[in-house]
Amino acid sequence: MSVFWRFVIAMIIAVLAILVGVILGDYGPWYLSWLLGTGFMILVAALGGVLFEEQVDGVALSSTKEANTHE
């Protein structure tokens, strides 16, 4: 996709965001913080899951190495 079309798409999204902000009025900041906060919580939860899986894999790998060195 060319830079021009990316710019056009970004401008369309910006205009839509401005229109939604005008329609929502005073409730706009509340909805924005709710949306950003929910997305951030989801990202933190996903990061926690990834870190947990890496920790479990690391323990399994170290126990496998330890078992191989004792043979």
Protein backbone atom coordinates (compact mmCIF):
# COMPACT_ATOMS: atom_id res chain seq x y z
CA MET A 1 0.00 0.00 0.00
CA SER A 2 1.43 3.35 -0.94
CA VAL A 3 2.06 6.15 1.51
CA PHE A 4 -0.69 8.22 -0.07
CA TRP A 5 -3.37 5.63 0.65
CA ARG A 6 -2.14 5.18 4.21
CA PHE A 7 -2.45 8.94 4.65
CA VAL A 8 -5.98 8.92 3.21
CA ILE A 9 -7.02 6.09 5.53
CA ALA A 10 -5.50 7.89 8.54
CA MET A 11 -7.38 11.06 7.63
CA ILE A 12 -10.67 9.17 7.32
CA ILE A 13 -10.12 7.59 10.74
CA ALA A 14 -9.27 11.02 12.20
CA VAL A 15 -12.45 12.56 10.78
CA LEU A 16 -14.53 9.68 12.15
CA ALA A 17 -12.89 10.07 15.56
CA ILE A 18 -13.67 13.79 15.58
CA LEU A 19 -17.28 13.16 14.58
CA VAL A 20 -17.69 10.55 17.30
CA GLY A 21 -16.19 12.99 19.81
CA VAL A 22 -18.62 15.71 18.77
CA ILE A 23 -21.59 13.35 18.99
CA LEU A 24 -20.59 12.01 22.41
CA GLY A 25 -19.91 15.48 23.79
CA ASP A 26 -19.02 15.43 27.47
CA TYR A 27 -19.05 11.63 27.63
CA GLY A 28 -16.21 11.33 25.08
CA PRO A 29 -13.32 11.37 27.58
CA TRP A 30 -15.05 8.78 29.76
CA TYR A 31 -15.54 6.40 26.83
CA LEU A 32 -11.98 6.99 25.66
CA SER A 33 -10.54 6.18 29.09
CA TRP A 34 -12.78 3.12 29.34
CA LEU A 35 -11.66 1.89 25.92
CA LEU A 36 -7.97 2.52 26.58
CA GLY A 37 -8.14 1.07 30.09
CA THR A 38 -9.87 -2.10 28.90
CA GLY A 39 -7.32 -2.55 26.12
CA PHE A 40 -4.47 -1.98 28.55
CA MET A 41 -5.87 -4.55 30.99
CA ILE A 42 -6.15 -7.10 28.18
CA LEU A 43 -2.55 -6.44 27.13
CA VAL A 44 -1.28 -6.79 30.70
CA ALA A 45 -3.20 -10.06 31.13
CA ALA A 46 -1.78 -11.41 27.86
CA LEU A 47 1.72 -10.37 28.92
CA GLY A 48 1.24 -12.18 32.23
CA GLY A 49 0.22 -15.32 30.37
CA VAL A 50 3.25 -15.12 28.10
CA LEU A 51 5.60 -14.62 31.05
CA PHE A 52 4.02 -17.54 32.89
CA GLU A 53 4.44 -19.83 29.86
CA GLU A 54 8.08 -18.76 29.48
CA GLN A 55 8.68 -19.44 33.17
CA VAL A 56 7.15 -22.91 32.92
CA ASP A 57 9.17 -23.66 29.77
CA GLY A 58 12.35 -22.44 31.49
CA VAL A 59 11.76 -24.72 34.48
CA ALA A 60 11.05 -27.68 32.20
CA LEU A 61 14.17 -26.97 30.14
CA SER A 62 16.40 -26.61 33.19
CA SER A 63 15.07 -29.83 34.72
CA THR A 64 15.73 -31.64 31.41
CA LYS A 65 19.31 -30.30 31.30
CA GLU A 66 19.79 -31.25 34.94
CA ALA A 67 18.55 -34.79 34.30
CA ASN A 68 20.92 -35.14 31.33
CA THR A 69 23.96 -34.00 33.33
CA HIS A 70 23.37 -36.59 36.07
CA GLU A 71 23.49 -39.51 33.65
